[in-house]
Amino acid sequence: MKDSFKIIKQIKQLQEQMETAQKELEQMRFEGSSGGEAVKAVVNGSQQLLDLQISQSAYEAGPEMLQDLIISAVNLALEASRKAAANKIGSLTGGLLGP
């Protein structure tokens, strides 16, 4: 019986740590850029797009190129966010829930 209380306590602690980690990740910012920084995307640790900056030169490159630059910048920012989340969560779970 004592062991089950210990396990429940550990689970509760892990849950609290996970909630704290999620809040910390929401506050973190990650940037991705493409086309020599012609397009910059900023996301948070919850993988929400927060900002998108597009230079005049990116517009002048034409619609297809602009689309590619935007997709690339956003994907790079999201990848950085995912890696940070995996590292943060993995450090709490000892890799049990990691990628």
PDB file of N, CA and C in Angstrom:
ATOM      1  N   MET A   1       0.813  -1.188   0.000  1.00  0.00           N
ATOM      2  CA  MET A   1       0.000   0.000   0.000  1.00  0.00           C
ATOM      3  C   MET A   1       0.866   1.266   0.000  1.00  0.00           C
ATOM      4  N   LYS A   2       1.949   1.211   0.777  1.00  0.00           N
ATOM      5  CA  LYS A   2       2.862   2.350   0.863  1.00  0.00           C
ATOM      6  C   LYS A   2       3.479   2.660  -0.497  1.00  0.00           C
ATOM      7  N   ASP A   3       3.815   1.616  -1.262  1.00  0.00           N
ATOM      8  CA  ASP A   3       4.398   1.799  -2.588  1.00  0.00           C
ATOM      9  C   ASP A   3       3.429   2.476  -3.537  1.00  0.00           C
ATOM     10  N   SER A   4       2.145   2.143  -3.450  1.00  0.00           N
ATOM     11  CA  SER A   4       1.170   2.762  -4.352  1.00  0.00           C
ATOM     12  C   SER A   4       1.007   4.247  -4.054  1.00  0.00           C
ATOM     13  N   PHE A   5       1.093   4.638  -2.791  1.00  0.00           N
ATOM     14  CA  PHE A   5       1.031   6.063  -2.447  1.00  0.00           C
ATOM     15  C   PHE A   5       2.259   6.792  -2.979  1.00  0.00           C
ATOM     16  N   LYS A   6       3.401   6.125  -2.898  1.00  0.00           N
ATOM     17  CA  LYS A   6       4.644   6.712  -3.416  1.00  0.00           C
ATOM     18  C   LYS A   6       4.545   6.919  -4.926  1.00  0.00           C
ATOM     19  N   ILE A   7       4.004   5.945  -5.625  1.00  0.00           N
ATOM     20  CA  ILE A   7       3.848   6.032  -7.078  1.00  0.00           C
ATOM     21  C   ILE A   7       2.871   7.148  -7.438  1.00  0.00           C
ATOM     22  N   ILE A   8       1.764   7.220  -6.708  1.00  0.00           N
ATOM     23  CA  ILE A   8       0.776   8.283  -6.969  1.00  0.00           C
ATOM     24  C   ILE A   8       1.402   9.652  -6.753  1.00  0.00           C
ATOM     25  N   LYS A   9       2.195   9.792  -5.707  1.00  0.00           N
ATOM     26  CA  LYS A   9       2.874  11.061  -5.424  1.00  0.00           C
ATOM     27  C   LYS A   9       3.840  11.416  -6.555  1.00  0.00           C
ATOM     28  N   GLN A  10       4.579  10.425  -7.036  1.00  0.00           N
ATOM     29  CA  GLN A  10       5.522  10.660  -8.132  1.00  0.00           C
ATOM     30  C   GLN A  10       4.790  11.063  -9.410  1.00  0.00           C
ATOM     31  N   ILE A  11       3.667  10.439  -9.674  1.00  0.00           N
ATOM     32  CA  ILE A  11       2.880  10.777 -10.866  1.00  0.00           C
ATOM     33  C   ILE A  11       2.363  12.203 -10.755  1.00  0.00           C
ATOM     34  N   LYS A  12       1.889  12.576  -9.587  1.00  0.00           N
ATOM     35  CA  LYS A  12       1.391  13.935  -9.375  1.00  0.00           C
ATOM     36  C   LYS A  12       2.514  14.953  -9.572  1.00  0.00           C
ATOM     37  N   GLN A  13       3.699  14.656  -9.059  1.00  0.00           N
ATOM     38  CA  GLN A  13       4.846  15.548  -9.233  1.00  0.00           C
ATOM     39  C   GLN A  13       5.209  15.688 -10.708  1.00  0.00           C
ATOM     40  N   LEU A  14       5.205  14.569 -11.425  1.00  0.00           N
ATOM     41  CA  LEU A  14       5.514  14.603 -12.847  1.00  0.00           C
ATOM     42  C   LEU A  14       4.481  15.433 -13.599  1.00  0.00           C
ATOM     43  N   GLN A  15       3.223  15.266 -13.244  1.00  0.00           N
ATOM     44  CA  GLN A  15       2.153  16.032 -13.882  1.00  0.00           C
ATOM     45  C   GLN A  15       2.359  17.533 -13.655  1.00  0.00           C
ATOM     46  N   GLU A  16       2.709  17.916 -12.433  1.00  0.00           N
ATOM     47  CA  GLU A  16       2.959  19.327 -12.131  1.00  0.00           C
ATOM     48  C   GLU A  16       4.166  19.848 -12.910  1.00  0.00           C
ATOM     49  N   GLN A  17       5.205  19.031 -13.002  1.00  0.00           N
ATOM     50  CA  GLN A  17       6.386  19.430 -13.771  1.00  0.00           C
ATOM     51  C   GLN A  17       6.058  19.579 -15.254  1.00  0.00           C
ATOM     52  N   MET A  18       5.216  18.692 -15.770  1.00  0.00           N
ATOM     53  CA  MET A  18       4.813  18.770 -17.184  1.00  0.00           C
ATOM     54  C   MET A  18       4.014  20.052 -17.437  1.00  0.00           C
ATOM     55  N   GLU A  19       3.128  20.395 -16.544  1.00  0.00           N
ATOM     56  CA  GLU A  19       2.343  21.626 -16.689  1.00  0.00           C
ATOM     57  C   GLU A  19       3.253  22.848 -16.666  1.00  0.00           C
ATOM     58  N   THR A  20       4.221  22.846 -15.773  1.00  0.00           N
ATOM     59  CA  THR A  20       5.187  23.942 -15.703  1.00  0.00           C
ATOM     60  C   THR A  20       5.992  24.020 -16.995  1.00  0.00           C
ATOM     61  N   ALA A  21       6.417  22.883 -17.488  1.00  0.00           N
ATOM     62  CA  ALA A  21       7.190  22.842 -18.734  1.00  0.00           C
ATOM     63  C   ALA A  21       6.369  23.387 -19.901  1.00  0.00           C
ATOM     64  N   GLN A  22       5.088  23.024 -19.961  1.00  0.00           N
ATOM     65  CA  GLN A  22       4.213  23.529 -21.032  1.00  0.00           C
ATOM     66  C   GLN A  22       4.103  25.048 -20.964  1.00  0.00           C
ATOM     67  N   LYS A  23       3.954  25.584 -19.772  1.00  0.00           N
ATOM     68  CA  LYS A  23       3.863  27.043 -19.614  1.00  0.00           C
ATOM     69  C   LYS A  23       5.163  27.716 -20.033  1.00  0.00           C
ATOM     70  N   GLU A  24       6.273  27.103 -19.663  1.00  0.00           N
ATOM     71  CA  GLU A  24       7.574  27.650 -20.072  1.00  0.00           C
ATOM     72  C   GLU A  24       7.722  27.619 -21.583  1.00  0.00           C
ATOM     73  N   LEU A  25       7.317  26.522 -22.205  1.00  0.00           N
ATOM     74  CA  LEU A  25       7.412  26.403 -23.668  1.00  0.00           C
ATOM     75  C   LEU A  25       6.539  27.441 -24.363  1.00  0.00           C
ATOM     76  N   GLU A  26       5.374  27.741 -23.808  1.00  0.00           N
ATOM     77  CA  GLU A  26       4.496  28.752 -24.407  1.00  0.00           C
ATOM     78  C   GLU A  26       5.188  30.102 -24.466  1.00  0.00           C
ATOM     79  N   GLN A  27       6.074  30.381 -23.509  1.00  0.00           N
ATOM     80  CA  GLN A  27       6.764  31.664 -23.443  1.00  0.00           C
ATOM     81  C   GLN A  27       8.009  31.723 -24.325  1.00  0.00           C
ATOM     82  N   MET A  28       8.504  30.577 -24.737  1.00  0.00           N
ATOM     83  CA  MET A  28       9.714  30.530 -25.552  1.00  0.00           C
ATOM     84  C   MET A  28       9.402  30.890 -26.998  1.00  0.00           C
ATOM     85  N   ARG A  29      10.369  31.494 -27.670  1.00  0.00           N
ATOM     86  CA  ARG A  29      10.226  31.897 -29.064  1.00  0.00           C
ATOM     87  C   ARG A  29      11.304  31.226 -29.898  1.00  0.00           C
ATOM     88  N   PHE A  30      10.910  30.796 -31.111  1.00  0.00           N
ATOM     89  CA  PHE A  30      11.828  30.123 -32.019  1.00  0.00           C
ATOM     90  C   PHE A  30      11.678  30.761 -33.394  1.00  0.00           C
ATOM     91  N   GLU A  31      12.808  31.014 -34.030  1.00  0.00           N
ATOM     92  CA  GLU A  31      12.790  31.688 -35.332  1.00  0.00           C
ATOM     93  C   GLU A  31      13.333  30.776 -36.412  1.00  0.00           C
ATOM     94  N   GLY A  32      12.706  30.876 -37.564  1.00  0.00           N
ATOM     95  CA  GLY A  32      13.201  30.221 -38.757  1.00  0.00           C
ATOM     96  C   GLY A  32      13.255  31.258 -39.861  1.00  0.00           C
ATOM     97  N   SER A  33      14.262  31.170 -40.703  1.00  0.00           N
ATOM     98  CA  SER A  33      14.348  32.126 -41.805  1.00  0.00           C
ATOM     99  C   SER A  33      14.755  31.402 -43.079  1.00  0.00           C
ATOM    100  N   SER A  34      14.433  32.021 -44.185  1.00  0.00           N
ATOM    101  CA  SER A  34      14.779  31.446 -45.482  1.00  0.00           C
ATOM    102  C   SER A  34      15.084  32.573 -46.461  1.00  0.00           C
ATOM    103  N   GLY A  35      15.726  32.202 -47.541  1.00  0.00           N
ATOM    104  CA  GLY A  35      16.064  33.194 -48.567  1.00  0.00           C
ATOM    105  C   GLY A  35      17.003  34.262 -48.061  1.00  0.00           C
ATOM    106  N   GLY A  36      17.992  33.847 -47.258  1.00  0.00           N
ATOM    107  CA  GLY A  36      18.917  34.838 -46.715  1.00  0.00           C
ATOM    108  C   GLY A  36      18.202  35.813 -45.803  1.00  0.00           C
ATOM    109  N   GLU A  37      17.284  35.320 -45.041  1.00  0.00           N
ATOM    110  CA  GLU A  37      16.453  36.089 -44.105  1.00  0.00           C
ATOM    111  C   GLU A  37      15.445  36.995 -44.816  1.00  0.00           C
ATOM    112  N   ALA A  38      15.112  36.655 -46.050  1.00  0.00           N
ATOM    113  CA  ALA A  38      14.064  37.399 -46.760  1.00  0.00           C
ATOM    114  C   ALA A  38      12.707  37.149 -46.111  1.00  0.00           C
ATOM    115  N   VAL A  39      12.557  35.961 -45.515  1.00  0.00           N
ATOM    116  CA  VAL A  39      11.338  35.626 -44.779  1.00  0.00           C
ATOM    117  C   VAL A  39      11.754  35.088 -43.418  1.00  0.00           C
ATOM    118  N   LYS A  40      11.147  35.642 -42.371  1.00  0.00           N
ATOM    119  CA  LYS A  40      11.401  35.184 -41.005  1.00  0.00           C
ATOM    120  C   LYS A  40      10.071  34.809 -40.363  1.00  0.00           C
ATOM    121  N   ALA A  41      10.061  33.664 -39.709  1.00  0.00           N
ATOM    122  CA  ALA A  41       8.882  33.198 -38.994  1.00  0.00           C
ATOM    123  C   ALA A  41       9.257  33.000 -37.531  1.00  0.00           C
ATOM    124  N   VAL A  42       8.343  33.376 -36.641  1.00  0.00           N
ATOM    125  CA  VAL A  42       8.558  33.188 -35.210  1.00  0.00           C
ATOM    126  C   VAL A  42       7.379  32.392 -34.666  1.00  0.00           C
ATOM    127  N   VAL A  43       7.699  31.299 -33.967  1.00  0.00           N
ATOM    128  CA  VAL A  43       6.673  30.479 -33.329  1.00  0.00           C
ATOM    129  C   VAL A  43       7.011  30.375 -31.845  1.00  0.00           C
ATOM    130  N   ASN A  44       6.036  29.944 -31.055  1.00  0.00           N
ATOM    131  CA  ASN A  44       6.329  29.691 -29.645  1.00  0.00           C
ATOM    132  C   ASN A  44       6.470  28.198 -29.415  1.00  0.00           C
ATOM    133  N   GLY A  45       6.733  27.812 -28.186  1.00  0.00           N
ATOM    134  CA  GLY A  45       6.920  26.415 -27.849  1.00  0.00           C
ATOM    135  C   GLY A  45       5.657  25.587 -27.953  1.00  0.00           C
ATOM    136  N   SER A  46       4.512  26.263 -28.083  1.00  0.00           N
ATOM    137  CA  SER A  46       3.249  25.557 -28.330  1.00  0.00           C
ATOM    138  C   SER A  46       2.995  25.419 -29.818  1.00  0.00           C
ATOM    139  N   GLN A  47       3.986  25.797 -30.601  1.00  0.00           N
ATOM    140  CA  GLN A  47       3.970  25.701 -32.059  1.00  0.00           C
ATOM    141  C   GLN A  47       2.871  26.539 -32.699  1.00  0.00           C
ATOM    142  N   GLN A  48       2.698  27.722 -32.149  1.00  0.00           N
ATOM    143  CA  GLN A  48       1.785  28.698 -32.741  1.00  0.00           C
ATOM    144  C   GLN A  48       2.619  29.745 -33.472  1.00  0.00           C
ATOM    145  N   LEU A  49       2.209  30.083 -34.676  1.00  0.00           N
ATOM    146  CA  LEU A  49       2.894  31.112 -35.441  1.00  0.00           C
ATOM    147  C   LEU A  49       2.576  32.468 -34.813  1.00  0.00           C
ATOM    148  N   LEU A  50       3.612  33.197 -34.400  1.00  0.00           N
ATOM    149  CA  LEU A  50       3.433  34.470 -33.721  1.00  0.00           C
ATOM    150  C   LEU A  50       3.738  35.665 -34.612  1.00  0.00           C
ATOM    151  N   ASP A  51       4.686  35.491 -35.512  1.00  0.00           N
ATOM    152  CA  ASP A  51       5.107  36.614 -36.348  1.00  0.00           C
ATOM    153  C   ASP A  51       5.640  36.071 -37.667  1.00  0.00           C
ATOM    154  N   LEU A  52       5.400  36.831 -38.711  1.00  0.00           N
ATOM    155  CA  LEU A  52       5.915  36.492 -40.034  1.00  0.00           C
ATOM    156  C   LEU A  52       6.363  37.785 -40.689  1.00  0.00           C
ATOM    157  N   GLN A  53       7.655  37.868 -40.984  1.00  0.00           N
ATOM    158  CA  GLN A  53       8.203  39.060 -41.618  1.00  0.00           C
ATOM    159  C   GLN A  53       8.650  38.705 -43.029  1.00  0.00           C
ATOM    160  N   ILE A  54       8.220  39.525 -43.981  1.00  0.00           N
ATOM    161  CA  ILE A  54       8.541  39.265 -45.384  1.00  0.00           C
ATOM    162  C   ILE A  54       9.172  40.523 -45.953  1.00  0.00           C
ATOM    163  N   SER A  55      10.371  40.390 -46.477  1.00  0.00           N
ATOM    164  CA  SER A  55      11.064  41.539 -47.055  1.00  0.00           C
ATOM    165  C   SER A  55      10.522  41.853 -48.442  1.00  0.00           C
ATOM    166  N   GLN A  56      10.782  43.032 -48.893  1.00  0.00           N
ATOM    167  CA  GLN A  56      10.353  43.457 -50.221  1.00  0.00           C
ATOM    168  C   GLN A  56      10.953  42.555 -51.296  1.00  0.00           C
ATOM    169  N   SER A  57      12.188  42.123 -51.099  1.00  0.00           N
ATOM    170  CA  SER A  57      12.831  41.271 -52.099  1.00  0.00           C
ATOM    171  C   SER A  57      12.106  39.930 -52.237  1.00  0.00           C
ATOM    172  N   ALA A  58      11.531  39.435 -51.150  1.00  0.00           N
ATOM    173  CA  ALA A  58      10.777  38.182 -51.225  1.00  0.00           C
ATOM    174  C   ALA A  58       9.515  38.357 -52.059  1.00  0.00           C
ATOM    175  N   TYR A  59       8.866  39.517 -51.915  1.00  0.00           N
ATOM    176  CA  TYR A  59       7.681  39.788 -52.736  1.00  0.00           C
ATOM    177  C   TYR A  59       8.044  39.856 -54.213  1.00  0.00           C
ATOM    178  N   GLU A  60       9.169  40.472 -54.479  1.00  0.00           N
ATOM    179  CA  GLU A  60       9.596  40.672 -55.864  1.00  0.00           C
ATOM    180  C   GLU A  60      10.021  39.366 -56.534  1.00  0.00           C
ATOM    181  N   ALA A  61      10.280  38.330 -55.749  1.00  0.00           N
ATOM    182  CA  ALA A  61      10.707  37.043 -56.299  1.00  0.00           C
ATOM    183  C   ALA A  61       9.563  36.301 -56.981  1.00  0.00           C
ATOM    184  N   GLY A  62       8.350  36.739 -56.759  1.00  0.00           N
ATOM    185  CA  GLY A  62       7.197  36.096 -57.386  1.00  0.00           C
ATOM    186  C   GLY A  62       6.440  35.214 -56.406  1.00  0.00           C
ATOM    187  N   PRO A  63       5.183  34.925 -56.731  1.00  0.00           N
ATOM    188  CA  PRO A  63       4.320  34.194 -55.792  1.00  0.00           C
ATOM    189  C   PRO A  63       4.797  32.790 -55.443  1.00  0.00           C
ATOM    190  N   GLU A  64       5.288  32.042 -56.421  1.00  0.00           N
ATOM    191  CA  GLU A  64       5.725  30.674 -56.133  1.00  0.00           C
ATOM    192  C   GLU A  64       6.930  30.658 -55.201  1.00  0.00           C
ATOM    193  N   MET A  65       7.891  31.534 -55.471  1.00  0.00           N
ATOM    194  CA  MET A  65       9.086  31.620 -54.633  1.00  0.00           C
ATOM    195  C   MET A  65       8.705  32.103 -53.238  1.00  0.00           C
ATOM    196  N   LEU A  66       7.812  33.070 -53.153  1.00  0.00           N
ATOM    197  CA  LEU A  66       7.371  33.583 -51.859  1.00  0.00           C
ATOM    198  C   LEU A  66       6.710  32.480 -51.036  1.00  0.00           C
ATOM    199  N   GLN A  67       5.878  31.681 -51.672  1.00  0.00           N
ATOM    200  CA  GLN A  67       5.236  30.567 -50.973  1.00  0.00           C
ATOM    201  C   GLN A  67       6.281  29.598 -50.436  1.00  0.00           C
ATOM    202  N   ASP A  68       7.262  29.263 -51.252  1.00  0.00           N
ATOM    203  CA  ASP A  68       8.324  28.342 -50.824  1.00  0.00           C
ATOM    204  C   ASP A  68       9.123  28.913 -49.655  1.00  0.00           C
ATOM    205  N   LEU A  69       9.422  30.206 -49.718  1.00  0.00           N
ATOM    206  CA  LEU A  69      10.181  30.845 -48.645  1.00  0.00           C
ATOM    207  C   LEU A  69       9.398  30.847 -47.329  1.00  0.00           C
ATOM    208  N   ILE A  70       8.104  31.128 -47.427  1.00  0.00           N
ATOM    209  CA  ILE A  70       7.260  31.143 -46.223  1.00  0.00           C
ATOM    210  C   ILE A  70       7.184  29.748 -45.618  1.00  0.00           C
ATOM    211  N   ILE A  71       6.916  28.762 -46.446  1.00  0.00           N
ATOM    212  CA  ILE A  71       6.816  27.382 -45.958  1.00  0.00           C
ATOM    213  C   ILE A  71       8.125  26.959 -45.302  1.00  0.00           C
ATOM    214  N   SER A  72       9.237  27.266 -45.929  1.00  0.00           N
ATOM    215  CA  SER A  72      10.537  26.886 -45.390  1.00  0.00           C
ATOM    216  C   SER A  72      10.801  27.555 -44.046  1.00  0.00           C
ATOM    217  N   ALA A  73      10.565  28.851 -43.950  1.00  0.00           N
ATOM    218  CA  ALA A  73      10.818  29.582 -42.705  1.00  0.00           C
ATOM    219  C   ALA A  73       9.939  29.068 -41.570  1.00  0.00           C
ATOM    220  N   VAL A  74       8.664  28.846 -41.857  1.00  0.00           N
ATOM    221  CA  VAL A  74       7.744  28.346 -40.828  1.00  0.00           C
ATOM    222  C   VAL A  74       8.154  26.942 -40.395  1.00  0.00           C
ATOM    223  N   ASN A  75       8.491  26.089 -41.336  1.00  0.00           N
ATOM    224  CA  ASN A  75       8.893  24.728 -40.993  1.00  0.00           C
ATOM    225  C   ASN A  75      10.175  24.699 -40.153  1.00  0.00           C
ATOM    226  N   LEU A  76      11.117  25.571 -40.449  1.00  0.00           N
ATOM    227  CA  LEU A  76      12.351  25.633 -39.660  1.00  0.00           C
ATOM    228  C   LEU A  76      12.062  26.087 -38.229  1.00  0.00           C
ATOM    229  N   ALA A  77      11.193  27.075 -38.081  1.00  0.00           N
ATOM    230  CA  ALA A  77      10.831  27.550 -36.740  1.00  0.00           C
ATOM    231  C   ALA A  77      10.089  26.466 -35.969  1.00  0.00           C
ATOM    232  N   LEU A  78       9.168  25.776 -36.639  1.00  0.00           N
ATOM    233  CA  LEU A  78       8.417  24.703 -35.974  1.00  0.00           C
ATOM    234  C   LEU A  78       9.338  23.549 -35.563  1.00  0.00           C
ATOM    235  N   GLU A  79      10.304  23.229 -36.397  1.00  0.00           N
ATOM    236  CA  GLU A  79      11.243  22.164 -36.067  1.00  0.00           C
ATOM    237  C   GLU A  79      12.053  22.518 -34.821  1.00  0.00           C
ATOM    238  N   ALA A  80      12.498  23.762 -34.736  1.00  0.00           N
ATOM    239  CA  ALA A  80      13.235  24.206 -33.546  1.00  0.00           C
ATOM    240  C   ALA A  80      12.343  24.111 -32.308  1.00  0.00           C
ATOM    241  N   SER A  81      11.087  24.470 -32.463  1.00  0.00           N
ATOM    242  CA  SER A  81      10.134  24.386 -31.355  1.00  0.00           C
ATOM    243  C   SER A  81       9.914  22.942 -30.924  1.00  0.00           C
ATOM    244  N   ARG A  82       9.748  22.059 -31.883  1.00  0.00           N
ATOM    245  CA  ARG A  82       9.540  20.637 -31.568  1.00  0.00           C
ATOM    246  C   ARG A  82      10.746  20.034 -30.850  1.00  0.00           C
ATOM    247  N   LYS A  83      11.944  20.384 -31.306  1.00  0.00           N
ATOM    248  CA  LYS A  83      13.156  19.868 -30.669  1.00  0.00           C
ATOM    249  C   LYS A  83      13.258  20.351 -29.220  1.00  0.00           C
ATOM    250  N   ALA A  84      12.970  21.619 -28.996  1.00  0.00           N
ATOM    251  CA  ALA A  84      13.032  22.157 -27.641  1.00  0.00           C
ATOM    252  C   ALA A  84      11.993  21.485 -26.748  1.00  0.00           C
ATOM    253  N   ALA A  85      10.794  21.268 -27.276  1.00  0.00           N
ATOM    254  CA  ALA A  85       9.741  20.603 -26.501  1.00  0.00           C
ATOM    255  C   ALA A  85      10.147  19.171 -26.184  1.00  0.00           C
ATOM    256  N   ALA A  86      10.702  18.469 -27.155  1.00  0.00           N
ATOM    257  CA  ALA A  86      11.119  17.090 -26.933  1.00  0.00           C
ATOM    258  C   ALA A  86      12.220  17.017 -25.881  1.00  0.00           C
ATOM    259  N   ASN A  87      13.162  17.951 -25.924  1.00  0.00           N
ATOM    260  CA  ASN A  87      14.240  17.979 -24.932  1.00  0.00           C
ATOM    261  C   ASN A  87      13.705  18.267 -23.537  1.00  0.00           C
ATOM    262  N   LYS A  88      12.797  19.233 -23.456  1.00  0.00           N
ATOM    263  CA  LYS A  88      12.244  19.627 -22.162  1.00  0.00           C
ATOM    264  C   LYS A  88      11.413  18.496 -21.563  1.00  0.00           C
ATOM    265  N   ILE A  89      10.529  17.921 -22.353  1.00  0.00           N
ATOM    266  CA  ILE A  89       9.674  16.843 -21.876  1.00  0.00           C
ATOM    267  C   ILE A  89      10.507  15.589 -21.619  1.00  0.00           C
ATOM    268  N   GLY A  90      11.458  15.314 -22.495  1.00  0.00           N
ATOM    269  CA  GLY A  90      12.322  14.144 -22.333  1.00  0.00           C
ATOM    270  C   GLY A  90      13.140  14.212 -21.051  1.00  0.00           C
ATOM    271  N   SER A  91      13.547  15.416 -20.672  1.00  0.00           N
ATOM    272  CA  SER A  91      14.327  15.547 -19.433  1.00  0.00           C
ATOM    273  C   SER A  91      13.468  15.246 -18.214  1.00  0.00           C
ATOM    274  N   LEU A  92      12.167  15.485 -18.306  1.00  0.00           N
ATOM    275  CA  LEU A  92      11.262  15.203 -17.181  1.00  0.00           C
ATOM    276  C   LEU A  92      10.912  13.717 -17.085  1.00  0.00           C
ATOM    277  N   THR A  93      10.781  13.091 -18.228  1.00  0.00           N
ATOM    278  CA  THR A  93      10.305  11.692 -18.254  1.00  0.00           C
ATOM    279  C   THR A  93      11.437  10.682 -18.396  1.00  0.00           C
ATOM    280  N   GLY A  94      12.644  11.167 -18.470  1.00  0.00           N
ATOM    281  CA  GLY A  94      13.769  10.247 -18.649  1.00  0.00           C
ATOM    282  C   GLY A  94      13.747   9.595 -20.018  1.00  0.00           C
ATOM    283  N   GLY A  95      13.114  10.283 -21.001  1.00  0.00           N
ATOM    284  CA  GLY A  95      13.053   9.763 -22.353  1.00  0.00           C
ATOM    285  C   GLY A  95      11.886   8.815 -22.612  1.00  0.00           C
ATOM    286  N   LEU A  96      11.078   8.523 -21.612  1.00  0.00           N
ATOM    287  CA  LEU A  96       9.963   7.599 -21.807  1.00  0.00           C
ATOM    288  C   LEU A  96       8.942   8.115 -22.810  1.00  0.00           C
ATOM    289  N   LEU A  97       8.716   9.442 -22.836  1.00  0.00           N
ATOM    290  CA  LEU A  97       7.723  10.008 -23.742  1.00  0.00           C
ATOM    291  C   LEU A  97       8.362  10.740 -24.904  1.00  0.00           C
ATOM    292  N   GLY A  98       9.663  10.679 -25.017  1.00  0.00           N
ATOM    293  CA  GLY A  98      10.369  11.394 -26.072  1.00  0.00           C
ATOM    294  C   GLY A  98      10.191  10.756 -27.427  1.00  0.00           C
ATOM    295  N   PRO A  99      10.776  11.362 -28.468  1.00  0.00           N
ATOM    296  CA  PRO A  99      10.619  10.869 -29.845  1.00  0.00           C
ATOM    297  C   PRO A  99      11.252   9.512 -30.083  1.00  0.00           C
TER     298      PRO A  99
END
